[in-house]
Full PDB file with SEQRES, HELIX, SHEET, SSBOND, CRYST1, ORIGX, SCALE, CONECT and MASTER records, all heavy atoms in Angstrom:
SEQRES   1 A   35  ILE ASN GLU ALA LEU GLU ARG CYS ASP LEU PHE VAL ALA          
SEQRES   2 A   35  ILE GLY THR SER GLY ASN VAL TYR PRO ALA ALA GLY PHE          
SEQRES   3 A   35  TYR GLN THR ALA ARG VAL ASN SER ALA                          
HELIX    1 AA1 ASN A    2  ARG A    7  1                                   6    
HELIX    2 AA2 ALA A   23  GLY A   25  5                                   3    
HELIX    3 AA3 PHE A   26  ALA A   30  1                                   5    
HELIX    4 AA4 ARG A   31  ASN A   33  5                                   3    
CRYST1    1.000    1.000    1.000  90.00  90.00  90.00 P 1           1          
ORIGX1      1.000000  0.000000  0.000000        0.00000                         
ORIGX2      0.000000  1.000000  0.000000        0.00000                         
ORIGX3      0.000000  0.000000  1.000000        0.00000                         
SCALE1      1.000000  0.000000  0.000000        0.00000                         
SCALE2      0.000000  1.000000  0.000000        0.00000                         
SCALE3      0.000000  0.000000  1.000000        0.00000                         
ATOM      1  N   ILE A   1      87.302 -34.011-130.412  1.00  0.00           N  
ATOM      2  CA  ILE A   1      88.761 -33.907-130.512  1.00  0.00           C  
ATOM      3  C   ILE A   1      89.193 -32.448-130.537  1.00  0.00           C  
ATOM      4  O   ILE A   1      90.111 -32.042-129.808  1.00  0.00           O  
ATOM      5  CB  ILE A   1      89.264 -34.654-131.767  1.00  0.00           C  
ATOM      6  CG1 ILE A   1      89.032 -36.159-131.614  1.00  0.00           C  
ATOM      7  CG2 ILE A   1      90.745 -34.368-132.013  1.00  0.00           C  
ATOM      8  CD1 ILE A   1      89.238 -36.955-132.896  1.00  0.00           C  
ATOM      9  N   ASN A   2      88.529 -31.650-131.355  1.00  0.00           N  
ATOM     10  CA  ASN A   2      88.907 -30.233-131.448  1.00  0.00           C  
ATOM     11  C   ASN A   2      88.678 -29.494-130.135  1.00  0.00           C  
ATOM     12  O   ASN A   2      89.486 -28.646-129.745  1.00  0.00           O  
ATOM     13  CB  ASN A   2      88.149 -29.550-132.592  1.00  0.00           C  
ATOM     14  CG  ASN A   2      88.768 -29.858-133.948  1.00  0.00           C  
ATOM     15  OD1 ASN A   2      89.990 -29.871-134.089  1.00  0.00           O  
ATOM     16  ND2 ASN A   2      87.933 -30.110-134.940  1.00  0.00           N  
ATOM     17  N   GLU A   3      87.588 -29.801-129.453  1.00  0.00           N  
ATOM     18  CA  GLU A   3      87.333 -29.171-128.148  1.00  0.00           C  
ATOM     19  C   GLU A   3      88.448 -29.501-127.163  1.00  0.00           C  
ATOM     20  O   GLU A   3      88.927 -28.632-126.428  1.00  0.00           O  
ATOM     21  CB  GLU A   3      85.984 -29.632-127.585  1.00  0.00           C  
ATOM     22  CG  GLU A   3      84.784 -29.016-128.280  1.00  0.00           C  
ATOM     23  CD  GLU A   3      83.479 -29.693-127.888  1.00  0.00           C  
ATOM     24  OE1 GLU A   3      83.492 -30.532-126.950  1.00  0.00           O  
ATOM     25  OE2 GLU A   3      82.451 -29.406-128.521  1.00  0.00           O  
ATOM     26  N   ALA A   4      88.867 -30.758-127.144  1.00  0.00           N  
ATOM     27  CA  ALA A   4      89.942 -31.176-126.234  1.00  0.00           C  
ATOM     28  C   ALA A   4      91.262 -30.518-126.609  1.00  0.00           C  
ATOM     29  O   ALA A   4      92.030 -30.083-125.735  1.00  0.00           O  
ATOM     30  CB  ALA A   4      90.079 -32.690-126.243  1.00  0.00           C  
ATOM     31  N   LEU A   5      91.544 -30.411-127.901  1.00  0.00           N  
ATOM     32  CA  LEU A   5      92.788 -29.778-128.349  1.00  0.00           C  
ATOM     33  C   LEU A   5      92.836 -28.305-127.965  1.00  0.00           C  
ATOM     34  O   LEU A   5      93.889 -27.783-127.593  1.00  0.00           O  
ATOM     35  CB  LEU A   5      92.932 -29.918-129.870  1.00  0.00           C  
ATOM     36  CG  LEU A   5      93.262 -31.309-130.409  1.00  0.00           C  
ATOM     37  CD1 LEU A   5      93.078 -31.355-131.922  1.00  0.00           C  
ATOM     38  CD2 LEU A   5      94.682 -31.715-130.039  1.00  0.00           C  
ATOM     39  N   GLU A   6      91.698 -27.642-128.036  1.00  0.00           N  
ATOM     40  CA  GLU A   6      91.663 -26.204-127.755  1.00  0.00           C  
ATOM     41  C   GLU A   6      91.834 -25.890-126.277  1.00  0.00           C  
ATOM     42  O   GLU A   6      92.213 -24.771-125.923  1.00  0.00           O  
ATOM     43  CB  GLU A   6      90.357 -25.603-128.286  1.00  0.00           C  
ATOM     44  CG  GLU A   6      90.341 -25.497-129.815  1.00  0.00           C  
ATOM     45  CD  GLU A   6      88.957 -25.191-130.366  1.00  0.00           C  
ATOM     46  OE1 GLU A   6      88.019 -24.988-129.558  1.00  0.00           O  
ATOM     47  OE2 GLU A   6      88.815 -25.171-131.605  1.00  0.00           O  
ATOM     48  N   ARG A   7      91.575 -26.858-125.396  1.00  0.00           N  
ATOM     49  CA  ARG A   7      91.703 -26.571-123.965  1.00  0.00           C  
ATOM     50  C   ARG A   7      92.869 -27.303-123.298  1.00  0.00           C  
ATOM     51  O   ARG A   7      93.101 -27.147-122.101  1.00  0.00           O  
ATOM     52  CB  ARG A   7      90.401 -26.866-123.215  1.00  0.00           C  
ATOM     53  CG  ARG A   7      89.981 -28.320-123.206  1.00  0.00           C  
ATOM     54  CD  ARG A   7      88.809 -28.564-122.269  1.00  0.00           C  
ATOM     55  NE  ARG A   7      88.469 -29.974-122.230  1.00  0.00           N  
ATOM     56  CZ  ARG A   7      87.513 -30.551-122.949  1.00  0.00           C  
ATOM     57  NH1 ARG A   7      86.787 -29.822-123.758  1.00  0.00           N  
ATOM     58  NH2 ARG A   7      87.294 -31.844-122.853  1.00  0.00           N  
ATOM     59  N   CYS A   8      93.627 -28.103-124.065  1.00  0.00           N  
ATOM     60  CA  CYS A   8      94.736 -28.836-123.450  1.00  0.00           C  
ATOM     61  C   CYS A   8      95.953 -27.927-123.281  1.00  0.00           C  
ATOM     62  O   CYS A   8      96.076 -26.903-123.966  1.00  0.00           O  
ATOM     63  CB  CYS A   8      95.096 -30.063-124.283  1.00  0.00           C  
ATOM     64  SG  CYS A   8      95.987 -29.723-125.816  1.00  0.00           S  
ATOM     65  N   ASP A   9      96.843 -28.294-122.369  1.00  0.00           N  
ATOM     66  CA  ASP A   9      98.104 -27.563-122.262  1.00  0.00           C  
ATOM     67  C   ASP A   9      99.301 -28.419-122.680  1.00  0.00           C  
ATOM     68  O   ASP A   9     100.431 -27.959-122.669  1.00  0.00           O  
ATOM     69  CB  ASP A   9      98.320 -26.957-120.864  1.00  0.00           C  
ATOM     70  CG  ASP A   9      98.038 -27.921-119.734  1.00  0.00           C  
ATOM     71  OD1 ASP A   9      98.210 -29.128-119.944  1.00  0.00           O  
ATOM     72  OD2 ASP A   9      97.640 -27.463-118.650  1.00  0.00           O  
ATOM     73  N   LEU A  10      99.043 -29.672-123.083  1.00  0.00           N  
ATOM     74  CA  LEU A  10     100.083 -30.519-123.667  1.00  0.00           C  
ATOM     75  C   LEU A  10      99.454 -31.421-124.722  1.00  0.00           C  
ATOM     76  O   LEU A  10      98.459 -32.092-124.462  1.00  0.00           O  
ATOM     77  CB  LEU A  10     100.748 -31.384-122.584  1.00  0.00           C  
ATOM     78  CG  LEU A  10     101.754 -32.434-123.082  1.00  0.00           C  
ATOM     79  CD1 LEU A  10     102.944 -31.769-123.773  1.00  0.00           C  
ATOM     80  CD2 LEU A  10     102.233 -33.325-121.935  1.00  0.00           C  
ATOM     81  N   PHE A  11     100.051 -31.410-125.907  1.00  0.00           N  
ATOM     82  CA  PHE A  11      99.626 -32.305-126.987  1.00  0.00           C  
ATOM     83  C   PHE A  11     100.825 -33.143-127.400  1.00  0.00           C  
ATOM     84  O   PHE A  11     101.897 -32.616-127.715  1.00  0.00           O  
ATOM     85  CB  PHE A  11      99.100 -31.523-128.192  1.00  0.00           C  
ATOM     86  CG  PHE A  11      98.852 -32.388-129.407  1.00  0.00           C  
ATOM     87  CD1 PHE A  11      97.857 -33.364-129.388  1.00  0.00           C  
ATOM     88  CD2 PHE A  11      99.619 -32.246-130.559  1.00  0.00           C  
ATOM     89  CE1 PHE A  11      97.641 -34.183-130.498  1.00  0.00           C  
ATOM     90  CE2 PHE A  11      99.407 -33.054-131.669  1.00  0.00           C  
ATOM     91  CZ  PHE A  11      98.412 -34.024-131.634  1.00  0.00           C  
ATOM     92  N   VAL A  12     100.641 -34.474-127.387  1.00  0.00           N  
ATOM     93  CA  VAL A  12     101.716 -35.403-127.731  1.00  0.00           C  
ATOM     94  C   VAL A  12     101.268 -36.281-128.898  1.00  0.00           C  
ATOM     95  O   VAL A  12     100.214 -36.914-128.823  1.00  0.00           O  
ATOM     96  CB  VAL A  12     102.095 -36.304-126.529  1.00  0.00           C  
ATOM     97  CG1 VAL A  12     103.278 -37.198-126.896  1.00  0.00           C  
ATOM     98  CG2 VAL A  12     102.414 -35.470-125.291  1.00  0.00           C  
ATOM     99  N   ALA A  13     102.054 -36.300-129.968  1.00  0.00           N  
ATOM    100  CA  ALA A  13     101.772 -37.172-131.112  1.00  0.00           C  
ATOM    101  C   ALA A  13     102.797 -38.293-131.132  1.00  0.00           C  
ATOM    102  O   ALA A  13     104.002 -38.054-131.028  1.00  0.00           O  
ATOM    103  CB  ALA A  13     101.838 -36.389-132.416  1.00  0.00           C  
ATOM    104  N   ILE A  14     102.317 -39.534-131.264  1.00  0.00           N  
ATOM    105  CA  ILE A  14     103.185 -40.720-131.189  1.00  0.00           C  
ATOM    106  C   ILE A  14     103.033 -41.565-132.448  1.00  0.00           C  
ATOM    107  O   ILE A  14     101.928 -42.008-132.776  1.00  0.00           O  
ATOM    108  CB  ILE A  14     102.825 -41.589-129.966  1.00  0.00           C  
ATOM    109  CG1 ILE A  14     102.943 -40.788-128.665  1.00  0.00           C  
ATOM    110  CG2 ILE A  14     103.702 -42.833-129.911  1.00  0.00           C  
ATOM    111  CD1 ILE A  14     102.316 -41.495-127.460  1.00  0.00           C  
ATOM    112  N   GLY A  15     104.148 -41.791-133.152  1.00  0.00           N  
ATOM    113  CA  GLY A  15     104.154 -42.755-134.256  1.00  0.00           C  
ATOM    114  C   GLY A  15     103.236 -42.405-135.398  1.00  0.00           C  
ATOM    115  O   GLY A  15     102.615 -43.283-135.996  1.00  0.00           O  
ATOM    116  N   THR A  16     103.153 -41.116-135.725  1.00  0.00           N  
ATOM    117  CA  THR A  16     102.304 -40.707-136.843  1.00  0.00           C  
ATOM    118  C   THR A  16     103.114 -39.834-137.793  1.00  0.00           C  
ATOM    119  O   THR A  16     103.934 -39.027-137.351  1.00  0.00           O  
ATOM    120  CB  THR A  16     101.032 -39.988-136.354  1.00  0.00           C  
ATOM    121  OG1 THR A  16     100.285 -39.526-137.478  1.00  0.00           O  
ATOM    122  CG2 THR A  16     101.349 -38.826-135.433  1.00  0.00           C  
ATOM    123  N   SER A  17     102.898 -40.010-139.077  1.00  0.00           N  
ATOM    124  CA  SER A  17     103.733 -39.334-140.082  1.00  0.00           C  
ATOM    125  C   SER A  17     103.516 -37.828-140.117  1.00  0.00           C  
ATOM    126  O   SER A  17     104.384 -37.074-140.539  1.00  0.00           O  
ATOM    127  CB  SER A  17     103.430 -39.912-141.470  1.00  0.00           C  
ATOM    128  OG  SER A  17     102.096 -39.597-141.847  1.00  0.00           O  
ATOM    129  N   GLY A  18     102.339 -37.384-139.667  1.00  0.00           N  
ATOM    130  CA  GLY A  18     102.050 -35.953-139.716  1.00  0.00           C  
ATOM    131  C   GLY A  18     101.747 -35.442-141.108  1.00  0.00           C  
ATOM    132  O   GLY A  18     101.779 -34.244-141.355  1.00  0.00           O  
ATOM    133  N   ASN A  19     101.426 -36.341-142.029  1.00  0.00           N  
ATOM    134  CA  ASN A  19     101.157 -35.926-143.409  1.00  0.00           C  
ATOM    135  C   ASN A  19      99.677 -35.916-143.770  1.00  0.00           C  
ATOM    136  O   ASN A  19      99.295 -35.353-144.785  1.00  0.00           O  
ATOM    137  CB  ASN A  19     101.883 -36.866-144.391  1.00  0.00           C  
ATOM    138  CG  ASN A  19     103.388 -36.744-144.268  1.00  0.00           C  
ATOM    139  OD1 ASN A  19     103.898 -35.679-143.976  1.00  0.00           O  
ATOM    140  ND2 ASN A  19     104.091 -37.848-144.483  1.00  0.00           N  
ATOM    141  N   VAL A  20      98.845 -36.567-142.940  1.00  0.00           N  
ATOM    142  CA  VAL A  20      97.437 -36.742-143.300  1.00  0.00           C  
ATOM    143  C   VAL A  20      96.564 -35.804-142.468  1.00  0.00           C  
ATOM    144  O   VAL A  20      96.581 -35.843-141.240  1.00  0.00           O  
ATOM    145  CB  VAL A  20      96.998 -38.210-143.080  1.00  0.00           C  
ATOM    146  CG1 VAL A  20      95.542 -38.401-143.461  1.00  0.00           C  
ATOM    147  CG2 VAL A  20      97.885 -39.161-143.897  1.00  0.00           C  
ATOM    148  N   TYR A  21      95.838 -34.938-143.160  1.00  0.00           N  
ATOM    149  CA  TYR A  21      94.918 -34.030-142.449  1.00  0.00           C  
ATOM    150  C   TYR A  21      93.574 -34.714-142.261  1.00  0.00           C  
ATOM    151  O   TYR A  21      93.218 -35.575-143.044  1.00  0.00           O  
ATOM    152  CB  TYR A  21      94.761 -32.733-143.262  1.00  0.00           C  
ATOM    153  CG  TYR A  21      95.938 -31.806-143.080  1.00  0.00           C  
ATOM    154  CD1 TYR A  21      97.069 -31.954-143.870  1.00  0.00           C  
ATOM    155  CD2 TYR A  21      95.946 -30.830-142.088  1.00  0.00           C  
ATOM    156  CE1 TYR A  21      98.179 -31.132-143.693  1.00  0.00           C  
ATOM    157  CE2 TYR A  21      97.038 -30.001-141.903  1.00  0.00           C  
ATOM    158  CZ  TYR A  21      98.145 -30.154-142.704  1.00  0.00           C  
ATOM    159  OH  TYR A  21      99.233 -29.347-142.509  1.00  0.00           O  
ATOM    160  N   PRO A  22      92.821 -34.369-141.187  1.00  0.00           N  
ATOM    161  CA  PRO A  22      93.058 -33.251-140.271  1.00  0.00           C  
ATOM    162  C   PRO A  22      94.063 -33.507-139.156  1.00  0.00           C  
ATOM    163  O   PRO A  22      94.481 -32.572-138.500  1.00  0.00           O  
ATOM    164  CB  PRO A  22      91.672 -32.996-139.675  1.00  0.00           C  
ATOM    165  CG  PRO A  22      91.017 -34.338-139.684  1.00  0.00           C  
ATOM    166  CD  PRO A  22      91.506 -35.022-140.941  1.00  0.00           C  
ATOM    167  N   ALA A  23      94.472 -34.765-138.930  1.00  0.00           N  
ATOM    168  CA  ALA A  23      95.351 -35.047-137.785  1.00  0.00           C  
ATOM    169  C   ALA A  23      96.658 -34.270-137.862  1.00  0.00           C  
ATOM    170  O   ALA A  23      97.223 -33.881-136.832  1.00  0.00           O  
ATOM    171  CB  ALA A  23      95.621 -36.548-137.706  1.00  0.00           C  
ATOM    172  N   ALA A  24      97.150 -34.020-139.071  1.00  0.00           N  
ATOM    173  CA  ALA A  24      98.417 -33.298-139.229  1.00  0.00           C  
ATOM    174  C   ALA A  24      98.336 -31.872-138.680  1.00  0.00           C  
ATOM    175  O   ALA A  24      99.365 -31.278-138.347  1.00  0.00           O  
ATOM    176  CB  ALA A  24      98.819 -33.273-140.700  1.00  0.00           C  
ATOM    177  N   GLY A  25      97.133 -31.335-138.563  1.00  0.00           N  
ATOM    178  CA  GLY A  25      96.970 -29.981-138.052  1.00  0.00           C  
ATOM    179  C   GLY A  25      96.651 -29.906-136.571  1.00  0.00           C  
ATOM    180  O   GLY A  25      96.456 -28.814-136.021  1.00  0.00           O  
ATOM    181  N   PHE A  26      96.607 -31.057-135.886  1.00  0.00           N  
ATOM    182  CA  PHE A  26      96.215 -31.069-134.466  1.00  0.00           C  
ATOM    183  C   PHE A  26      97.153 -30.234-133.601  1.00  0.00           C  
ATOM    184  O   PHE A  26      96.720 -29.557-132.676  1.00  0.00           O  
ATOM    185  CB  PHE A  26      96.166 -32.502-133.929  1.00  0.00           C  
ATOM    186  CG  PHE A  26      94.943 -33.286-134.342  1.00  0.00           C  
ATOM    187  CD1 PHE A  26      93.969 -32.739-135.165  1.00  0.00           C  
ATOM    188  CD2 PHE A  26      94.759 -34.599-133.902  1.00  0.00           C  
ATOM    189  CE1 PHE A  26      92.843 -33.466-135.547  1.00  0.00           C  
ATOM    190  CE2 PHE A  26      93.637 -35.329-134.274  1.00  0.00           C  
ATOM    191  CZ  PHE A  26      92.681 -34.765-135.091  1.00  0.00           C  
ATOM    192  N   TYR A  27      98.460 -30.305-133.884  1.00  0.00           N  
ATOM    193  CA  TYR A  27      99.384 -29.573-133.013  1.00  0.00           C  
ATOM    194  C   TYR A  27      99.193 -28.068-133.147  1.00  0.00           C  
ATOM    195  O   TYR A  27      99.390 -27.319-132.184  1.00  0.00           O  
ATOM    196  CB  TYR A  27     100.840 -30.000-133.270  1.00  0.00           C  
ATOM    197  CG  TYR A  27     101.504 -29.390-134.480  1.00  0.00           C  
ATOM    198  CD1 TYR A  27     102.300 -28.243-134.359  1.00  0.00           C  
ATOM    199  CD2 TYR A  27     101.383 -29.971-135.738  1.00  0.00           C  
ATOM    200  CE1 TYR A  27     102.939 -27.706-135.466  1.00  0.00           C  
ATOM    201  CE2 TYR A  27     102.008 -29.434-136.835  1.00  0.00           C  
ATOM    202  CZ  TYR A  27     102.791 -28.299-136.708  1.00  0.00           C  
ATOM    203  OH  TYR A  27     103.417 -27.762-137.804  1.00  0.00           O  
ATOM    204  N   GLN A  28      98.745 -27.606-134.324  1.00  0.00           N  
ATOM    205  CA  GLN A  28      98.481 -26.176-134.496  1.00  0.00           C  
ATOM    206  C   GLN A  28      97.222 -25.766-133.728  1.00  0.00           C  
ATOM    207  O   GLN A  28      97.187 -24.693-133.120  1.00  0.00           O  
ATOM    208  CB  GLN A  28      98.352 -25.863-135.993  1.00  0.00           C  
ATOM    209  CG  GLN A  28      99.671 -26.033-136.731  1.00  0.00           C  
ATOM    210  CD  GLN A  28      99.485 -26.233-138.224  1.00  0.00           C  
ATOM    211  OE1 GLN A  28      98.609 -26.984-138.660  1.00  0.00           O  
ATOM    212  NE2 GLN A  28     100.312 -25.566-139.016  1.00  0.00           N  
ATOM    213  N   THR A  29      96.209 -26.639-133.734  1.00  0.00           N  
ATOM    214  CA  THR A  29      94.995 -26.357-132.958  1.00  0.00           C  
ATOM    215  C   THR A  29      95.326 -26.284-131.470  1.00  0.00           C  
ATOM    216  O   THR A  29      94.831 -25.415-130.741  1.00  0.00           O  
ATOM    217  CB  THR A  29      93.935 -27.453-133.195  1.00  0.00           C  
ATOM    218  OG1 THR A  29      93.696 -27.581-134.589  1.00  0.00           O  
ATOM    219  CG2 THR A  29      92.635 -27.127-132.494  1.00  0.00           C  
ATOM    220  N   ALA A  30      96.185 -27.173-131.008  1.00  0.00           N  
ATOM    221  CA  ALA A  30      96.564 -27.204-129.596  1.00  0.00           C  
ATOM    222  C   ALA A  30      97.282 -25.918-129.187  1.00  0.00           C  
ATOM    223  O   ALA A  30      97.185 -25.467-128.039  1.00  0.00           O  
ATOM    224  CB  ALA A  30      97.443 -28.412-129.312  1.00  0.00           C  
ATOM    225  N   ARG A  31      97.976 -25.315-130.122  1.00  0.00           N  
ATOM    226  CA  ARG A  31      98.738 -24.107-129.814  1.00  0.00           C  
ATOM    227  C   ARG A  31      97.861 -22.869-129.638  1.00  0.00           C  
ATOM    228  O   ARG A  31      98.354 -21.831-129.185  1.00  0.00           O  
ATOM    229  CB  ARG A  31      99.740 -23.827-130.938  1.00  0.00           C  
ATOM    230  CG  ARG A  31     100.983 -24.682-130.831  1.00  0.00           C  
ATOM    231  CD  ARG A  31     101.964 -24.248-131.871  1.00  0.00           C  
ATOM    232  NE  ARG A  31     103.226 -24.951-131.704  1.00  0.00           N  
ATOM    233  CZ  ARG A  31     104.082 -25.118-132.692  1.00  0.00           C  
ATOM    234  NH1 ARG A  31     103.806 -24.648-133.894  1.00  0.00           N  
ATOM    235  NH2 ARG A  31     105.216 -25.746-132.469  1.00  0.00           N  
ATOM    236  N   VAL A  32      96.605 -22.959-130.015  1.00  0.00           N  
ATOM    237  CA  VAL A  32      95.698 -21.803-129.880  1.00  0.00           C  
ATOM    238  C   VAL A  32      95.730 -21.279-128.447  1.00  0.00           C  
ATOM    239  O   VAL A  32      95.697 -20.078-128.212  1.00  0.00           O  
ATOM    240  CB  VAL A  32      94.256 -22.203-130.291  1.00  0.00           C  
ATOM    241  CG1 VAL A  32      93.265 -21.114-129.909  1.00  0.00           C  
ATOM    242  CG2 VAL A  32      94.185 -22.471-131.781  1.00  0.00           C  
ATOM    243  N   ASN A  33      95.776 -22.193-127.481  1.00  0.00           N  
ATOM    244  CA  ASN A  33      95.843 -21.781-126.071  1.00  0.00           C  
ATOM    245  C   ASN A  33      97.217 -22.047-125.470  1.00  0.00           C  
ATOM    246  O   ASN A  33      97.357 -22.386-124.298  1.00  0.00           O  
ATOM    247  CB  ASN A  33      94.767 -22.500-125.252  1.00  0.00           C  
ATOM    248  CG  ASN A  33      93.380 -21.970-125.571  1.00  0.00           C  
ATOM    249  OD1 ASN A  33      93.213 -20.794-125.883  1.00  0.00           O  
ATOM    250  ND2 ASN A  33      92.389 -22.843-125.516  1.00  0.00           N  
ATOM    251  N   SER A  34      98.254 -21.897-126.332  1.00  0.00           N  
ATOM    252  CA  SER A  34      99.654 -21.988-125.890  1.00  0.00           C  
ATOM    253  C   SER A  34     100.028 -23.349-125.322  1.00  0.00           C  
ATOM    254  O   SER A  34     100.852 -23.443-124.401  1.00  0.00           O  
ATOM    255  CB  SER A  34      99.971 -20.893-124.850  1.00  0.00           C  
ATOM    256  OG  SER A  34      99.654 -19.620-125.366  1.00  0.00           O  
ATOM    257  N   ALA A  35      99.434 -24.401-125.839  1.00  0.00           N  
ATOM    258  CA  ALA A  35      99.813 -25.747-125.394  1.00  0.00           C  
ATOM    259  C   ALA A  35     101.223 -26.070-125.866  1.00  0.00           C  
ATOM    260  O   ALA A  35     101.661 -25.629-126.933  1.00  0.00           O  
ATOM    261  CB  ALA A  35      98.838 -26.785-125.937  1.00  0.00           C  
TER     262      ALA A  35                                                      
MASTER        0    0    0    4    0    0    0    6  261    1    0    3          
END                                                                             
């Protein structure tokens, strides 16, 4: 998952509260490469 997040250029989260880690931090990981 982390490898895919680091190389993606679009990250979409659907129907998730964003309160539970590590998933809550996925959008920040995706931004490492300006996704």
